[in-house]
Amino acid sequence: MLLNSVIIYDIKHIISNAKDAVFRAVDNERTRMYWQIGKRIFEEEQQGKDRANYGEFLLVFISKELESEYGNGFSKRYLEIMRQFYRTFPIANTLCSQLGWSQYKLLIRFNDNDKR
């Protein structure tokens, strides 16, 4: 009986570790995707002549196009957060794989680098 308990415990541990690793990998890819989207939006806005007006139109346009296909995770407000994410962390290599998207969303709220 003891052998059966040990093998079941070991297998459950393997499954749990694999699930955790998958979750971290998915969150890491999502974070990278949001960074890339933020970068693309920022670069496009910098080409606009009237940046404020163009940026507003651009975010509304992108949101309208993406929300219908991908859901409310691509709302205008969320796109603004992605752009701010890129502006706050402009070097992709500095992104920490140990931090998830929800943690980065909290960090970009701080304007002060020392506090961040």
PDB file of N, CA and C in Angstrom:
ATOM      1  N   MET A   1       0.801  -1.196   0.000  1.00  0.00           N
ATOM      2  CA  MET A   1       0.000   0.000   0.000  1.00  0.00           C
ATOM      3  C   MET A   1       0.849   1.267   0.000  1.00  0.00           C
ATOM      4  N   LEU A   2       1.942   1.274   0.729  1.00  0.00           N
ATOM      5  CA  LEU A   2       2.793   2.450   0.813  1.00  0.00           C
ATOM      6  C   LEU A   2       3.365   2.811  -0.550  1.00  0.00           C
ATOM      7  N   LEU A   3       3.780   1.814  -1.339  1.00  0.00           N
ATOM      8  CA  LEU A   3       4.317   2.057  -2.675  1.00  0.00           C
ATOM      9  C   LEU A   3       3.288   2.773  -3.543  1.00  0.00           C
ATOM     10  N   ASN A   4       2.041   2.337  -3.469  1.00  0.00           N
ATOM     11  CA  ASN A   4       0.992   2.971  -4.262  1.00  0.00           C
ATOM     12  C   ASN A   4       0.814   4.436  -3.879  1.00  0.00           C
ATOM     13  N   SER A   5       0.893   4.754  -2.604  1.00  0.00           N
ATOM     14  CA  SER A   5       0.760   6.132  -2.145  1.00  0.00           C
ATOM     15  C   SER A   5       1.910   6.994  -2.646  1.00  0.00           C
ATOM     16  N   VAL A   6       3.123   6.442  -2.628  1.00  0.00           N
ATOM     17  CA  VAL A   6       4.295   7.196  -3.064  1.00  0.00           C
ATOM     18  C   VAL A   6       4.228   7.478  -4.557  1.00  0.00           C
ATOM     19  N   ILE A   7       3.881   6.495  -5.344  1.00  0.00           N
ATOM     20  CA  ILE A   7       3.838   6.710  -6.801  1.00  0.00           C
ATOM     21  C   ILE A   7       2.736   7.702  -7.172  1.00  0.00           C
ATOM     22  N   ILE A   8       1.602   7.615  -6.522  1.00  0.00           N
ATOM     23  CA  ILE A   8       0.512   8.564  -6.791  1.00  0.00           C
ATOM     24  C   ILE A   8       0.950   9.970  -6.406  1.00  0.00           C
ATOM     25  N   TYR A   9       1.582  10.114  -5.250  1.00  0.00           N
ATOM     26  CA  TYR A   9       2.078  11.418  -4.810  1.00  0.00           C
ATOM     27  C   TYR A   9       3.082  11.973  -5.825  1.00  0.00           C
ATOM     28  N   ASP A  10       4.017  11.135  -6.261  1.00  0.00           N
ATOM     29  CA  ASP A  10       5.027  11.568  -7.226  1.00  0.00           C
ATOM     30  C   ASP A  10       4.398  12.008  -8.542  1.00  0.00           C
ATOM     31  N   ILE A  11       3.444  11.256  -9.023  1.00  0.00           N
ATOM     32  CA  ILE A  11       2.800  11.590 -10.303  1.00  0.00           C
ATOM     33  C   ILE A  11       1.993  12.880 -10.166  1.00  0.00           C
ATOM     34  N   LYS A  12       1.299  13.045  -9.053  1.00  0.00           N
ATOM     35  CA  LYS A  12       0.555  14.282  -8.836  1.00  0.00           C
ATOM     36  C   LYS A  12       1.499  15.477  -8.768  1.00  0.00           C
ATOM     37  N   HIS A  13       2.640  15.284  -8.169  1.00  0.00           N
ATOM     38  CA  HIS A  13       3.649  16.337  -8.089  1.00  0.00           C
ATOM     39  C   HIS A  13       4.170  16.706  -9.489  1.00  0.00           C
ATOM     40  N   ILE A  14       4.413  15.702 -10.311  1.00  0.00           N
ATOM     41  CA  ILE A  14       4.860  15.933 -11.694  1.00  0.00           C
ATOM     42  C   ILE A  14       3.798  16.721 -12.468  1.00  0.00           C
ATOM     43  N   ILE A  15       2.548  16.310 -12.330  1.00  0.00           N
ATOM     44  CA  ILE A  15       1.448  16.996 -13.024  1.00  0.00           C
ATOM     45  C   ILE A  15       1.342  18.445 -12.550  1.00  0.00           C
ATOM     46  N   SER A  16       1.409  18.638 -11.253  1.00  0.00           N
ATOM     47  CA  SER A  16       1.308  19.990 -10.693  1.00  0.00           C
ATOM     48  C   SER A  16       2.442  20.885 -11.183  1.00  0.00           C
ATOM     49  N   ASN A  17       3.659  20.367 -11.178  1.00  0.00           N
ATOM     50  CA  ASN A  17       4.804  21.146 -11.670  1.00  0.00           C
ATOM     51  C   ASN A  17       4.662  21.487 -13.141  1.00  0.00           C
ATOM     52  N   ALA A  18       4.186  20.542 -13.928  1.00  0.00           N
ATOM     53  CA  ALA A  18       4.004  20.787 -15.368  1.00  0.00           C
ATOM     54  C   ALA A  18       2.937  21.858 -15.596  1.00  0.00           C
ATOM     55  N   LYS A  19       1.842  21.780 -14.859  1.00  0.00           N
ATOM     56  CA  LYS A  19       0.783  22.786 -15.008  1.00  0.00           C
ATOM     57  C   LYS A  19       1.305  24.176 -14.645  1.00  0.00           C
ATOM     58  N   ASP A  20       2.070  24.258 -13.562  1.00  0.00           N
ATOM     59  CA  ASP A  20       2.649  25.544 -13.165  1.00  0.00           C
ATOM     60  C   ASP A  20       3.574  26.091 -14.242  1.00  0.00           C
ATOM     61  N   ALA A  21       4.401  25.218 -14.816  1.00  0.00           N
ATOM     62  CA  ALA A  21       5.339  25.642 -15.861  1.00  0.00           C
ATOM     63  C   ALA A  21       4.593  26.130 -17.101  1.00  0.00           C
ATOM     64  N   VAL A  22       3.525  25.443 -17.451  1.00  0.00           N
ATOM     65  CA  VAL A  22       2.721  25.851 -18.610  1.00  0.00           C
ATOM     66  C   VAL A  22       2.088  27.211 -18.356  1.00  0.00           C
ATOM     67  N   PHE A  23       1.544  27.402 -17.178  1.00  0.00           N
ATOM     68  CA  PHE A  23       0.924  28.683 -16.840  1.00  0.00           C
ATOM     69  C   PHE A  23       1.944  29.817 -16.935  1.00  0.00           C
ATOM     70  N   ARG A  24       3.143  29.606 -16.375  1.00  0.00           N
ATOM     71  CA  ARG A  24       4.185  30.632 -16.429  1.00  0.00           C
ATOM     72  C   ARG A  24       4.607  30.909 -17.876  1.00  0.00           C
ATOM     73  N   ALA A  25       4.715  29.866 -18.688  1.00  0.00           N
ATOM     74  CA  ALA A  25       5.112  30.042 -20.085  1.00  0.00           C
ATOM     75  C   ALA A  25       4.054  30.828 -20.856  1.00  0.00           C
ATOM     76  N   VAL A  26       2.795  30.512 -20.634  1.00  0.00           N
ATOM     77  CA  VAL A  26       1.707  31.223 -21.310  1.00  0.00           C
ATOM     78  C   VAL A  26       1.695  32.687 -20.878  1.00  0.00           C
ATOM     79  N   ASP A  27       1.832  32.934 -19.580  1.00  0.00           N
ATOM     80  CA  ASP A  27       1.831  34.311 -19.089  1.00  0.00           C
ATOM     81  C   ASP A  27       3.028  35.081 -19.628  1.00  0.00           C
ATOM     82  N   ASN A  28       4.167  34.426 -19.728  1.00  0.00           N
ATOM     83  CA  ASN A  28       5.360  35.067 -20.283  1.00  0.00           C
ATOM     84  C   ASN A  28       5.137  35.443 -21.747  1.00  0.00           C
ATOM     85  N   GLU A  29       4.548  34.555 -22.519  1.00  0.00           N
ATOM     86  CA  GLU A  29       4.266  34.856 -23.929  1.00  0.00           C
ATOM     87  C   GLU A  29       3.229  35.961 -24.058  1.00  0.00           C
ATOM     88  N   ARG A  30       2.234  35.950 -23.193  1.00  0.00           N
ATOM     89  CA  ARG A  30       1.220  37.010 -23.221  1.00  0.00           C
ATOM     90  C   ARG A  30       1.864  38.362 -22.908  1.00  0.00           C
ATOM     91  N   THR A  31       2.758  38.371 -21.935  1.00  0.00           N
ATOM     92  CA  THR A  31       3.462  39.601 -21.577  1.00  0.00           C
ATOM     93  C   THR A  31       4.281  40.098 -22.756  1.00  0.00           C
ATOM     94  N   ARG A  32       4.990  39.199 -23.421  1.00  0.00           N
ATOM     95  CA  ARG A  32       5.783  39.584 -24.598  1.00  0.00           C
ATOM     96  C   ARG A  32       4.882  40.087 -25.721  1.00  0.00           C
ATOM     97  N   MET A  33       3.736  39.444 -25.910  1.00  0.00           N
ATOM     98  CA  MET A  33       2.792  39.875 -26.943  1.00  0.00           C
ATOM     99  C   MET A  33       2.301  41.287 -26.659  1.00  0.00           C
ATOM    100  N   TYR A  34       1.930  41.565 -25.406  1.00  0.00           N
ATOM    101  CA  TYR A  34       1.453  42.898 -25.051  1.00  0.00           C
ATOM    102  C   TYR A  34       2.548  43.937 -25.236  1.00  0.00           C
ATOM    103  N   TRP A  35       3.782  43.576 -24.920  1.00  0.00           N
ATOM    104  CA  TRP A  35       4.912  44.492 -25.127  1.00  0.00           C
ATOM    105  C   TRP A  35       5.063  44.799 -26.619  1.00  0.00           C
ATOM    106  N   GLN A  36       4.993  43.771 -27.458  1.00  0.00           N
ATOM    107  CA  GLN A  36       5.137  43.960 -28.904  1.00  0.00           C
ATOM    108  C   GLN A  36       3.999  44.791 -29.477  1.00  0.00           C
ATOM    109  N   ILE A  37       2.791  44.562 -28.999  1.00  0.00           N
ATOM    110  CA  ILE A  37       1.643  45.371 -29.450  1.00  0.00           C
ATOM    111  C   ILE A  37       1.846  46.819 -29.024  1.00  0.00           C
ATOM    112  N   GLY A  38       2.259  47.031 -27.783  1.00  0.00           N
ATOM    113  CA  GLY A  38       2.517  48.390 -27.309  1.00  0.00           C
ATOM    114  C   GLY A  38       3.588  49.083 -28.129  1.00  0.00           C
ATOM    115  N   LYS A  39       4.629  48.347 -28.468  1.00  0.00           N
ATOM    116  CA  LYS A  39       5.707  48.901 -29.296  1.00  0.00           C
ATOM    117  C   LYS A  39       5.180  49.292 -30.669  1.00  0.00           C
ATOM    118  N   ARG A  40       4.405  48.420 -31.268  1.00  0.00           N
ATOM    119  CA  ARG A  40       3.881  48.687 -32.621  1.00  0.00           C
ATOM    120  C   ARG A  40       2.974  49.911 -32.626  1.00  0.00           C
ATOM    121  N   ILE A  41       2.123  50.023 -31.615  1.00  0.00           N
ATOM    122  CA  ILE A  41       1.236  51.182 -31.512  1.00  0.00           C
ATOM    123  C   ILE A  41       2.057  52.454 -31.327  1.00  0.00           C
ATOM    124  N   PHE A  42       3.026  52.410 -30.427  1.00  0.00           N
ATOM    125  CA  PHE A  42       3.870  53.577 -30.163  1.00  0.00           C
ATOM    126  C   PHE A  42       4.604  54.010 -31.427  1.00  0.00           C
ATOM    127  N   GLU A  43       5.185  53.064 -32.148  1.00  0.00           N
ATOM    128  CA  GLU A  43       5.909  53.397 -33.378  1.00  0.00           C
ATOM    129  C   GLU A  43       4.985  54.014 -34.420  1.00  0.00           C
ATOM    130  N   GLU A  44       3.791  53.488 -34.531  1.00  0.00           N
ATOM    131  CA  GLU A  44       2.825  54.025 -35.498  1.00  0.00           C
ATOM    132  C   GLU A  44       2.418  55.440 -35.115  1.00  0.00           C
ATOM    133  N   GLU A  45       2.207  55.679 -33.845  1.00  0.00           N
ATOM    134  CA  GLU A  45       1.812  57.015 -33.393  1.00  0.00           C
ATOM    135  C   GLU A  45       2.907  58.042 -33.673  1.00  0.00           C
ATOM    136  N   GLN A  46       4.136  57.662 -33.558  1.00  0.00           N
ATOM    137  CA  GLN A  46       5.236  58.606 -33.760  1.00  0.00           C
ATOM    138  C   GLN A  46       5.328  59.068 -35.212  1.00  0.00           C
ATOM    139  N   GLN A  47       4.695  58.364 -36.115  1.00  0.00           N
ATOM    140  CA  GLN A  47       4.687  58.773 -37.517  1.00  0.00           C
ATOM    141  C   GLN A  47       3.545  59.735 -37.834  1.00  0.00           C
ATOM    142  N   GLY A  48       2.571  59.810 -36.943  1.00  0.00           N
ATOM    143  CA  GLY A  48       1.428  60.697 -37.167  1.00  0.00           C
ATOM    144  C   GLY A  48       1.816  62.153 -36.992  1.00  0.00           C
ATOM    145  N   LYS A  49       1.262  63.028 -37.837  1.00  0.00           N
ATOM    146  CA  LYS A  49       1.592  64.448 -37.759  1.00  0.00           C
ATOM    147  C   LYS A  49       0.987  65.092 -36.524  1.00  0.00           C
ATOM    148  N   ASP A  50      -0.280  64.846 -36.280  1.00  0.00           N
ATOM    149  CA  ASP A  50      -0.923  65.366 -35.087  1.00  0.00           C
ATOM    150  C   ASP A  50      -1.047  64.194 -34.119  1.00  0.00           C
ATOM    151  N   ARG A  51       0.002  63.985 -33.336  1.00  0.00           N
ATOM    152  CA  ARG A  51       0.134  62.764 -32.541  1.00  0.00           C
ATOM    153  C   ARG A  51      -1.036  62.511 -31.609  1.00  0.00           C
ATOM    154  N   ALA A  52      -1.503  63.520 -30.908  1.00  0.00           N
ATOM    155  CA  ALA A  52      -2.577  63.309 -29.938  1.00  0.00           C
ATOM    156  C   ALA A  52      -3.847  62.836 -30.635  1.00  0.00           C
ATOM    157  N   ASN A  53      -4.244  63.535 -31.675  1.00  0.00           N
ATOM    158  CA  ASN A  53      -5.454  63.147 -32.391  1.00  0.00           C
ATOM    159  C   ASN A  53      -5.282  61.822 -33.116  1.00  0.00           C
ATOM    160  N   TYR A  54      -4.128  61.640 -33.730  1.00  0.00           N
ATOM    161  CA  TYR A  54      -3.882  60.405 -34.464  1.00  0.00           C
ATOM    162  C   TYR A  54      -3.859  59.214 -33.516  1.00  0.00           C
ATOM    163  N   GLY A  55      -3.217  59.381 -32.364  1.00  0.00           N
ATOM    164  CA  GLY A  55      -3.139  58.301 -31.386  1.00  0.00           C
ATOM    165  C   GLY A  55      -4.504  57.891 -30.883  1.00  0.00           C
ATOM    166  N   GLU A  56      -5.342  58.857 -30.628  1.00  0.00           N
ATOM    167  CA  GLU A  56      -6.704  58.575 -30.160  1.00  0.00           C
ATOM    168  C   GLU A  56      -7.474  57.796 -31.218  1.00  0.00           C
ATOM    169  N   PHE A  57      -7.408  58.258 -32.454  1.00  0.00           N
ATOM    170  CA  PHE A  57      -8.085  57.572 -33.556  1.00  0.00           C
ATOM    171  C   PHE A  57      -7.518  56.173 -33.737  1.00  0.00           C
ATOM    172  N   LEU A  58      -6.204  56.062 -33.680  1.00  0.00           N
ATOM    173  CA  LEU A  58      -5.538  54.777 -33.895  1.00  0.00           C
ATOM    174  C   LEU A  58      -5.994  53.748 -32.867  1.00  0.00           C
ATOM    175  N   LEU A  59      -6.029  54.123 -31.593  1.00  0.00           N
ATOM    176  CA  LEU A  59      -6.431  53.181 -30.549  1.00  0.00           C
ATOM    177  C   LEU A  59      -7.889  52.756 -30.705  1.00  0.00           C
ATOM    178  N   VAL A  60      -8.752  53.686 -31.057  1.00  0.00           N
ATOM    179  CA  VAL A  60     -10.159  53.347 -31.277  1.00  0.00           C
ATOM    180  C   VAL A  60     -10.280  52.394 -32.456  1.00  0.00           C
ATOM    181  N   PHE A  61      -9.562  52.684 -33.532  1.00  0.00           N
ATOM    182  CA  PHE A  61      -9.597  51.832 -34.730  1.00  0.00           C
ATOM    183  C   PHE A  61      -9.097  50.424 -34.419  1.00  0.00           C
ATOM    184  N   ILE A  62      -7.942  50.327 -33.781  1.00  0.00           N
ATOM    185  CA  ILE A  62      -7.361  49.011 -33.467  1.00  0.00           C
ATOM    186  C   ILE A  62      -8.300  48.232 -32.551  1.00  0.00           C
ATOM    187  N   SER A  63      -8.802  48.897 -31.542  1.00  0.00           N
ATOM    188  CA  SER A  63      -9.701  48.249 -30.595  1.00  0.00           C
ATOM    189  C   SER A  63     -10.939  47.698 -31.303  1.00  0.00           C
ATOM    190  N   LYS A  64     -11.513  48.504 -32.158  1.00  0.00           N
ATOM    191  CA  LYS A  64     -12.715  48.082 -32.889  1.00  0.00           C
ATOM    192  C   LYS A  64     -12.433  46.849 -33.743  1.00  0.00           C
ATOM    193  N   GLU A  65     -11.277  46.834 -34.373  1.00  0.00           N
ATOM    194  CA  GLU A  65     -10.905  45.707 -35.230  1.00  0.00           C
ATOM    195  C   GLU A  65     -10.601  44.432 -34.437  1.00  0.00           C
ATOM    196  N   LEU A  66      -9.971  44.578 -33.286  1.00  0.00           N
ATOM    197  CA  LEU A  66      -9.522  43.403 -32.536  1.00  0.00           C
ATOM    198  C   LEU A  66     -10.559  42.858 -31.560  1.00  0.00           C
ATOM    199  N   GLU A  67     -11.330  43.736 -30.933  1.00  0.00           N
ATOM    200  CA  GLU A  67     -12.290  43.282 -29.921  1.00  0.00           C
ATOM    201  C   GLU A  67     -13.308  42.303 -30.475  1.00  0.00           C
ATOM    202  N   SER A  68     -13.760  42.531 -31.688  1.00  0.00           N
ATOM    203  CA  SER A  68     -14.775  41.642 -32.251  1.00  0.00           C
ATOM    204  C   SER A  68     -14.229  40.227 -32.447  1.00  0.00           C
ATOM    205  N   GLU A  69     -12.938  40.121 -32.704  1.00  0.00           N
ATOM    206  CA  GLU A  69     -12.344  38.804 -32.938  1.00  0.00           C
ATOM    207  C   GLU A  69     -11.702  38.198 -31.691  1.00  0.00           C
ATOM    208  N   TYR A  70     -11.091  39.039 -30.850  1.00  0.00           N
ATOM    209  CA  TYR A  70     -10.308  38.524 -29.726  1.00  0.00           C
ATOM    210  C   TYR A  70     -10.881  38.854 -28.347  1.00  0.00           C
ATOM    211  N   GLY A  71     -11.937  39.625 -28.285  1.00  0.00           N
ATOM    212  CA  GLY A  71     -12.578  39.900 -27.007  1.00  0.00           C
ATOM    213  C   GLY A  71     -12.138  41.201 -26.371  1.00  0.00           C
ATOM    214  N   ASN A  72     -12.655  41.445 -25.156  1.00  0.00           N
ATOM    215  CA  ASN A  72     -12.458  42.738 -24.518  1.00  0.00           C
ATOM    216  C   ASN A  72     -11.053  42.953 -23.965  1.00  0.00           C
ATOM    217  N   GLY A  73     -10.171  41.989 -24.073  1.00  0.00           N
ATOM    218  CA  GLY A  73      -8.772  42.182 -23.695  1.00  0.00           C
ATOM    219  C   GLY A  73      -8.051  43.124 -24.639  1.00  0.00           C
ATOM    220  N   PHE A  74      -8.749  43.592 -25.673  1.00  0.00           N
ATOM    221  CA  PHE A  74      -8.156  44.521 -26.636  1.00  0.00           C
ATOM    222  C   PHE A  74      -8.975  45.797 -26.738  1.00  0.00           C
ATOM    223  N   SER A  75      -9.550  46.181 -25.619  1.00  0.00           N
ATOM    224  CA  SER A  75     -10.295  47.436 -25.560  1.00  0.00           C
ATOM    225  C   SER A  75      -9.319  48.600 -25.715  1.00  0.00           C
ATOM    226  N   LYS A  76      -9.867  49.775 -25.970  1.00  0.00           N
ATOM    227  CA  LYS A  76      -9.029  50.969 -26.104  1.00  0.00           C
ATOM    228  C   LYS A  76      -8.189  51.163 -24.854  1.00  0.00           C
ATOM    229  N   ARG A  77      -8.789  51.009 -23.691  1.00  0.00           N
ATOM    230  CA  ARG A  77      -8.068  51.185 -22.424  1.00  0.00           C
ATOM    231  C   ARG A  77      -6.935  50.166 -22.283  1.00  0.00           C
ATOM    232  N   TYR A  78      -7.200  48.931 -22.652  1.00  0.00           N
ATOM    233  CA  TYR A  78      -6.167  47.905 -22.547  1.00  0.00           C
ATOM    234  C   TYR A  78      -5.030  48.173 -23.533  1.00  0.00           C
ATOM    235  N   LEU A  79      -5.362  48.671 -24.713  1.00  0.00           N
ATOM    236  CA  LEU A  79      -4.331  49.040 -25.675  1.00  0.00           C
ATOM    237  C   LEU A  79      -3.476  50.188 -25.145  1.00  0.00           C
ATOM    238  N   GLU A  80      -4.101  51.119 -24.437  1.00  0.00           N
ATOM    239  CA  GLU A  80      -3.343  52.206 -23.802  1.00  0.00           C
ATOM    240  C   GLU A  80      -2.355  51.638 -22.773  1.00  0.00           C
ATOM    241  N   ILE A  81      -2.793  50.633 -22.028  1.00  0.00           N
ATOM    242  CA  ILE A  81      -1.914  49.996 -21.039  1.00  0.00           C
ATOM    243  C   ILE A  81      -0.743  49.300 -21.740  1.00  0.00           C
ATOM    244  N   MET A  82      -1.009  48.643 -22.851  1.00  0.00           N
ATOM    245  CA  MET A  82       0.058  47.982 -23.603  1.00  0.00           C
ATOM    246  C   MET A  82       1.082  49.002 -24.108  1.00  0.00           C
ATOM    247  N   ARG A  83       0.585  50.114 -24.623  1.00  0.00           N
ATOM    248  CA  ARG A  83       1.483  51.171 -25.093  1.00  0.00           C
ATOM    249  C   ARG A  83       2.310  51.721 -23.932  1.00  0.00           C
ATOM    250  N   GLN A  84       1.661  51.947 -22.800  1.00  0.00           N
ATOM    251  CA  GLN A  84       2.381  52.428 -21.619  1.00  0.00           C
ATOM    252  C   GLN A  84       3.401  51.399 -21.137  1.00  0.00           C
ATOM    253  N   PHE A  85       3.075  50.128 -21.237  1.00  0.00           N
ATOM    254  CA  PHE A  85       3.993  49.051 -20.878  1.00  0.00           C
ATOM    255  C   PHE A  85       5.266  49.156 -21.702  1.00  0.00           C
ATOM    256  N   TYR A  86       5.103  49.318 -23.010  1.00  0.00           N
ATOM    257  CA  TYR A  86       6.281  49.462 -23.875  1.00  0.00           C
ATOM    258  C   TYR A  86       7.063  50.727 -23.527  1.00  0.00           C
ATOM    259  N   ARG A  87       6.360  51.824 -23.311  1.00  0.00           N
ATOM    260  CA  ARG A  87       7.042  53.086 -23.007  1.00  0.00           C
ATOM    261  C   ARG A  87       7.789  53.017 -21.668  1.00  0.00           C
ATOM    262  N   THR A  88       7.264  52.278 -20.733  1.00  0.00           N
ATOM    263  CA  THR A  88       7.900  52.140 -19.425  1.00  0.00           C
ATOM    264  C   THR A  88       9.084  51.183 -19.476  1.00  0.00           C
ATOM    265  N   PHE A  89       8.971  50.135 -20.269  1.00  0.00           N
ATOM    266  CA  PHE A  89      10.031  49.128 -20.410  1.00  0.00           C
ATOM    267  C   PHE A  89      10.383  48.991 -21.897  1.00  0.00           C
ATOM    268  N   PRO A  90      11.098  49.978 -22.466  1.00  0.00           N
ATOM    269  CA  PRO A  90      11.325  49.975 -23.916  1.00  0.00           C
ATOM    270  C   PRO A  90      12.320  48.920 -24.416  1.00  0.00           C
ATOM    271  N   ILE A  91      13.006  48.250 -23.522  1.00  0.00           N
ATOM    272  CA  ILE A  91      13.977  47.234 -23.944  1.00  0.00           C
ATOM    273  C   ILE A  91      13.435  45.863 -23.555  1.00  0.00           C
ATOM    274  N   ALA A  92      13.087  45.064 -24.553  1.00  0.00           N
ATOM    275  CA  ALA A  92      12.443  43.775 -24.299  1.00  0.00           C
ATOM    276  C   ALA A  92      13.316  42.861 -23.445  1.00  0.00           C
ATOM    277  N   ASN A  93      14.616  42.932 -23.608  1.00  0.00           N
ATOM    278  CA  ASN A  93      15.510  42.048 -22.860  1.00  0.00           C
ATOM    279  C   ASN A  93      15.492  42.323 -21.365  1.00  0.00           C
ATOM    280  N   THR A  94      14.992  43.497 -20.960  1.00  0.00           N
ATOM    281  CA  THR A  94      14.950  43.809 -19.533  1.00  0.00           C
ATOM    282  C   THR A  94      13.702  43.242 -18.864  1.00  0.00           C
ATOM    283  N   LEU A  95      12.778  42.693 -19.653  1.00  0.00           N
ATOM    284  CA  LEU A  95      11.586  42.102 -19.060  1.00  0.00           C
ATOM    285  C   LEU A  95      11.984  40.850 -18.292  1.00  0.00           C
ATOM    286  N   CYS A  96      11.474  40.734 -17.120  1.00  0.00           N
ATOM    287  CA  CYS A  96      11.827  39.630 -16.234  1.00  0.00           C
ATOM    288  C   CYS A  96      10.814  38.503 -16.404  1.00  0.00           C
ATOM    289  N   SER A  97      11.283  37.318 -16.741  1.00  0.00           N
ATOM    290  CA  SER A  97      10.361  36.198 -16.955  1.00  0.00           C
ATOM    291  C   SER A  97       9.694  35.746 -15.652  1.00  0.00           C
ATOM    292  N   GLN A  98      10.257  36.156 -14.503  1.00  0.00           N
ATOM    293  CA  GLN A  98       9.633  35.796 -13.233  1.00  0.00           C
ATOM    294  C   GLN A  98       8.419  36.669 -12.916  1.00  0.00           C
ATOM    295  N   LEU A  99       8.286  37.792 -13.620  1.00  0.00           N
ATOM    296  CA  LEU A  99       7.133  38.663 -13.404  1.00  0.00           C
ATOM    297  C   LEU A  99       6.066  38.355 -14.435  1.00  0.00           C
ATOM    298  N   GLY A 100       4.830  38.376 -13.996  1.00  0.00           N
ATOM    299  CA  GLY A 100       3.712  38.146 -14.898  1.00  0.00           C
ATOM    300  C   GLY A 100       3.085  39.449 -15.339  1.00  0.00           C
ATOM    301  N   TRP A 101       2.146  39.359 -16.253  1.00  0.00           N
ATOM    302  CA  TRP A 101       1.480  40.532 -16.802  1.00  0.00           C
ATOM    303  C   TRP A 101       0.810  41.353 -15.705  1.00  0.00           C
ATOM    304  N   SER A 102       0.145  40.697 -14.777  1.00  0.00           N
ATOM    305  CA  SER A 102      -0.544  41.454 -13.721  1.00  0.00           C
ATOM    306  C   SER A 102       0.456  42.248 -12.878  1.00  0.00           C
ATOM    307  N   GLN A 103       1.643  41.722 -12.669  1.00  0.00           N
ATOM    308  CA  GLN A 103       2.663  42.450 -11.915  1.00  0.00           C
ATOM    309  C   GLN A 103       3.194  43.637 -12.713  1.00  0.00           C
ATOM    310  N   TYR A 104       3.384  43.454 -14.010  1.00  0.00           N
ATOM    311  CA  TYR A 104       3.822  44.573 -14.848  1.00  0.00           C
ATOM    312  C   TYR A 104       2.764  45.671 -14.897  1.00  0.00           C
ATOM    313  N   LYS A 105       1.485  45.285 -14.931  1.00  0.00           N
ATOM    314  CA  LYS A 105       0.429  46.296 -14.929  1.00  0.00           C
ATOM    315  C   LYS A 105       0.505  47.154 -13.677  1.00  0.00           C
ATOM    316  N   LEU A 106       0.857  46.557 -12.559  1.00  0.00           N
ATOM    317  CA  LEU A 106       1.016  47.335 -11.328  1.00  0.00           C
ATOM    318  C   LEU A 106       2.242  48.233 -11.409  1.00  0.00           C
ATOM    319  N   LEU A 107       3.331  47.721 -11.942  1.00  0.00           N
ATOM    320  CA  LEU A 107       4.580  48.485 -11.997  1.00  0.00           C
ATOM    321  C   LEU A 107       4.487  49.720 -12.885  1.00  0.00           C
ATOM    322  N   ILE A 108       3.761  49.619 -13.990  1.00  0.00           N
ATOM    323  CA  ILE A 108       3.723  50.766 -14.906  1.00  0.00           C
ATOM    324  C   ILE A 108       2.918  51.927 -14.334  1.00  0.00           C
ATOM    325  N   ARG A 109       2.215  51.707 -13.253  1.00  0.00           N
ATOM    326  CA  ARG A 109       1.479  52.799 -12.605  1.00  0.00           C
ATOM    327  C   ARG A 109       2.410  53.788 -11.926  1.00  0.00           C
ATOM    328  N   PHE A 110       3.612  53.338 -11.575  1.00  0.00           N
ATOM    329  CA  PHE A 110       4.577  54.198 -10.896  1.00  0.00           C
ATOM    330  C   PHE A 110       5.373  54.997 -11.918  1.00  0.00           C
ATOM    331  N   ASN A 111       5.366  56.299 -11.793  1.00  0.00           N
ATOM    332  CA  ASN A 111       6.135  57.154 -12.699  1.00  0.00           C
ATOM    333  C   ASN A 111       7.609  57.219 -12.299  1.00  0.00           C
ATOM    334  N   ASP A 112       7.880  56.958 -11.063  1.00  0.00           N
ATOM    335  CA  ASP A 112       9.239  57.058 -10.518  1.00  0.00           C
ATOM    336  C   ASP A 112       9.968  55.719 -10.696  1.00  0.00           C
ATOM    337  N   ASN A 113      11.093  55.744 -11.416  1.00  0.00           N
ATOM    338  CA  ASN A 113      11.863  54.521 -11.648  1.00  0.00           C
ATOM    339  C   ASN A 113      12.328  53.879 -10.349  1.00  0.00           C
ATOM    340  N   ASP A 114      12.698  54.694  -9.369  1.00  0.00           N
ATOM    341  CA  ASP A 114      13.147  54.142  -8.095  1.00  0.00           C
ATOM    342  C   ASP A 114      12.045  53.372  -7.382  1.00  0.00           C
ATOM    343  N   LYS A 115      10.845  53.893  -7.425  1.00  0.00           N
ATOM    344  CA  LYS A 115       9.718  53.191  -6.807  1.00  0.00           C
ATOM    345  C   LYS A 115       9.388  51.925  -7.580  1.00  0.00           C
ATOM    346  N   ARG A 116       9.487  51.995  -8.889  1.00  0.00           N
ATOM    347  CA  ARG A 116       9.189  50.857  -9.734  1.00  0.00           C
ATOM    348  C   ARG A 116      10.197  49.759  -9.451  1.00  0.00           C
TER     349      ARG A 116
END
